[in-house]
C-alpha atoms as a PDB file:
ATOM      1  CA  MET A   1       0.105   0.051  -0.034  1.00  0.00           C
ATOM      2  CA  PRO A   2       1.303   3.630  -0.921  1.00  0.00           C
ATOM      3  CA  LYS A   3       2.107   6.027   1.690  1.00  0.00           C
ATOM      4  CA  MET A   4      -0.832   8.548   2.450  1.00  0.00           C
ATOM      5  CA  LYS A   5      -0.217  11.999   1.808  1.00  0.00           C
ATOM      6  CA  THR A   6      -0.087  14.800   4.169  1.00  0.00           C
ATOM      7  CA  ASN A   7      -1.994  17.968   3.600  1.00  0.00           C
ATOM      8  CA  ARG A   8       0.625  20.335   3.672  1.00  0.00           C
ATOM      9  CA  GLY A   9      -1.449  23.428   4.622  1.00  0.00           C
ATOM     10  CA  ALA A  10      -2.976  21.532   7.610  1.00  0.00           C
ATOM     11  CA  ALA A  11       0.394  20.590   8.497  1.00  0.00           C
ATOM     12  CA  LYS A  12       1.678  24.267   9.069  1.00  0.00           C
ATOM     13  CA  ARG A  13      -1.469  25.227  11.036  1.00  0.00           C
ATOM     14  CA  PHE A  14      -2.033  22.260  13.392  1.00  0.00           C
ATOM     15  CA  ARG A  15       0.100  20.255  15.692  1.00  0.00           C
ATOM     16  CA  ALA A  16      -0.634  16.858  17.681  1.00  0.00           C
ATOM     17  CA  THR A  17      -0.517  16.700  21.239  1.00  0.00           C
ATOM     18  CA  SER A  18       0.751  13.887  23.212  1.00  0.00           C
ATOM     19  CA  LYS A  19      -2.804  12.614  23.916  1.00  0.00           C
ATOM     20  CA  GLY A  20      -3.603  12.597  20.031  1.00  0.00           C
ATOM     21  CA  ARG A  21      -5.693  16.191  20.078  1.00  0.00           C
ATOM     22  CA  PHE A  22      -4.698  18.871  18.065  1.00  0.00           C
ATOM     23  CA  LYS A  23      -3.620  22.380  18.999  1.00  0.00           C
ATOM     24  CA  ARG A  24      -3.809  25.556  16.504  1.00  0.00           C
ATOM     25  CA  GLY A  25      -2.998  29.166  16.787  1.00  0.00           C
ATOM     26  CA  LYS A  26      -5.648  31.811  17.504  1.00  0.00           C
ATOM     27  CA  SER A  27      -6.885  34.161  14.730  1.00  0.00           C
ATOM     28  CA  PHE A  28      -7.252  37.954  14.827  1.00  0.00           C
ATOM     29  CA  ARG A  29      -3.815  38.519  15.213  1.00  0.00           C
ATOM     30  CA  ARG A  30      -2.274  39.787  11.973  1.00  0.00           C
ATOM     31  CA  HIS A  31      -3.242  43.364  11.378  1.00  0.00           C
ATOM     32  CA  ILE A  32      -5.396  46.032  12.801  1.00  0.00           C
ATOM     33  CA  LEU A  33      -3.802  45.647  16.208  1.00  0.00           C
ATOM     34  CA  THR A  34      -3.976  49.155  17.422  1.00  0.00           C
ATOM     35  CA  LYS A  35      -7.627  49.167  18.457  1.00  0.00           C
ATOM     36  CA  LYS A  36      -7.366  45.652  20.251  1.00  0.00           C
ATOM     37  CA  SER A  37      -6.352  45.684  23.923  1.00  0.00           C
ATOM     38  CA  THR A  38      -3.164  44.667  25.141  1.00  0.00           C
ATOM     39  CA  LYS A  39      -4.918  41.987  27.187  1.00  0.00           C
ATOM     40  CA  ARG A  40      -6.877  40.636  24.207  1.00  0.00           C
ATOM     41  CA  LYS A  41      -3.721  40.689  22.018  1.00  0.00           C
ATOM     42  CA  ARG A  42      -1.807  38.490  24.916  1.00  0.00           C
ATOM     43  CA  GLN A  43      -4.607  36.014  25.185  1.00  0.00           C
ATOM     44  CA  LEU A  44      -4.474  35.679  21.391  1.00  0.00           C
ATOM     45  CA  ARG A  45      -0.873  34.375  21.497  1.00  0.00           C
ATOM     46  CA  ALA A  46      -1.853  31.077  23.600  1.00  0.00           C
ATOM     47  CA  PRO A  47      -2.525  28.023  21.258  1.00  0.00           C
ATOM     48  CA  SER A  48      -6.198  26.571  21.484  1.00  0.00           C
ATOM     49  CA  GLU A  49      -7.480  23.141  21.116  1.00  0.00           C
ATOM     50  CA  VAL A  50      -9.063  21.898  17.986  1.00  0.00           C
ATOM     51  CA  CYS A  51     -12.864  21.197  18.743  1.00  0.00           C
ATOM     52  CA  ALA A  52     -13.529  17.406  19.139  1.00  0.00           C
ATOM     53  CA  ALA A  53     -15.878  17.511  16.223  1.00  0.00           C
ATOM     54  CA  ASP A  54     -13.087  18.315  13.881  1.00  0.00           C
ATOM     55  CA  SER A  55     -10.463  16.103  14.958  1.00  0.00           C
ATOM     56  CA  PRO A  56     -11.571  13.168  12.646  1.00  0.00           C
ATOM     57  CA  MET A  57     -11.126  15.239   9.620  1.00  0.00           C
ATOM     58  CA  LEU A  58      -7.672  16.551  10.822  1.00  0.00           C
ATOM     59  CA  ARG A  59      -6.663  12.898  11.579  1.00  0.00           C
ATOM     60  CA  ARG A  60      -7.312  12.242   7.622  1.00  0.00           C
ATOM     61  CA  MET A  61      -5.329  15.346   6.556  1.00  0.00           C
ATOM     62  CA  LEU A  62      -2.470  14.465   8.994  1.00  0.00           C
ATOM     63  CA  PRO A  63      -2.139  10.877   8.974  1.00  0.00           C
ATOM     64  CA  TYR A  64       1.491  10.771  10.632  1.00  0.00           C
ATOM     65  CA  ALA A  65       0.848  13.493  13.249  1.00  0.00           C
END
Protein backbone atom coordinates (compact mmCIF):
# COMPACT_ATOMS: atom_id res chain seq x y z
CA MET A 1 0.00 0.00 0.00
CA PRO A 2 1.41 3.43 -0.88
CA LYS A 3 2.21 6.06 1.68
CA MET A 4 -0.57 8.49 2.53
CA LYS A 5 -0.08 12.14 1.66
CA THR A 6 -0.11 14.78 4.36
CA ASN A 7 -2.16 17.89 3.63
CA ARG A 8 0.65 20.47 3.72
CA GLY A 9 -1.66 23.40 4.48
CA ALA A 10 -2.99 21.59 7.56
CA ALA A 11 0.52 20.56 8.61
CA LYS A 12 1.53 24.22 8.84
CA ARG A 13 -1.51 25.16 10.92
CA PHE A 14 -1.99 22.28 13.36
CA ARG A 15 0.21 20.26 15.72
CA ALA A 16 -0.70 17.03 17.46
CA THR A 17 -0.52 16.86 21.26
CA SER A 18 0.72 13.84 23.20
CA LYS A 19 -2.87 12.72 23.82
CA GLY A 20 -3.61 12.73 20.09
CA ARG A 21 -5.60 15.94 20.07
CA PHE A 22 -4.69 18.92 17.92
CA LYS A 23 -3.69 22.44 18.85
CA ARG A 24 -3.96 25.51 16.68
CA GLY A 25 -3.04 29.16 16.76
CA LYS A 26 -5.77 31.72 17.34
CA SER A 27 -6.99 34.10 14.66
CA PHE A 28 -7.40 37.91 14.69
CA ARG A 29 -3.74 38.67 15.38
CA ARG A 30 -2.38 39.59 11.94
CA HIS A 31 -3.29 43.24 11.43
CA ILE A 32 -5.45 46.11 12.79
CA LEU A 33 -3.85 45.57 16.19
CA THR A 34 -3.97 49.17 17.43
CA LYS A 35 -7.62 49.06 18.39
CA LYS A 36 -7.30 45.73 20.21
CA SER A 37 -6.44 45.84 23.88
CA THR A 38 -3.12 44.56 25.19
CA LYS A 39 -4.93 41.90 27.20
CA ARG A 40 -6.78 40.66 24.13
CA LYS A 41 -3.60 40.47 22.05
CA ARG A 42 -1.76 38.66 24.84
CA GLN A 43 -4.53 36.08 25.16
CA LEU A 44 -4.48 35.50 21.40
CA ARG A 45 -0.85 34.32 21.67
CA ALA A 46 -1.79 31.15 23.55
CA PRO A 47 -2.56 28.08 21.45
CA SER A 48 -6.08 26.69 21.46
CA GLU A 49 -7.35 23.14 21.10
CA VAL A 50 -9.27 22.05 18.03
CA CYS A 51 -12.86 21.11 18.80
CA ALA A 52 -13.57 17.36 19.05
CA ALA A 53 -15.98 17.41 16.09
CA ASP A 54 -13.20 18.60 13.75
CA SER A 55 -10.55 16.15 14.95
CA PRO A 56 -11.53 13.18 12.70
CA MET A 57 -11.16 15.41 9.62
CA LEU A 58 -7.70 16.51 10.81
CA ARG A 59 -6.74 12.91 11.50
CA ARG A 60 -7.29 12.17 7.80
CA MET A 61 -5.36 15.25 6.68
CA LEU A 62 -2.43 14.55 9.03
CA PRO A 63 -2.10 10.76 9.01
CA TYR A 64 1.39 10.76 10.56
CA ALA A 65 0.83 13.40 13.26
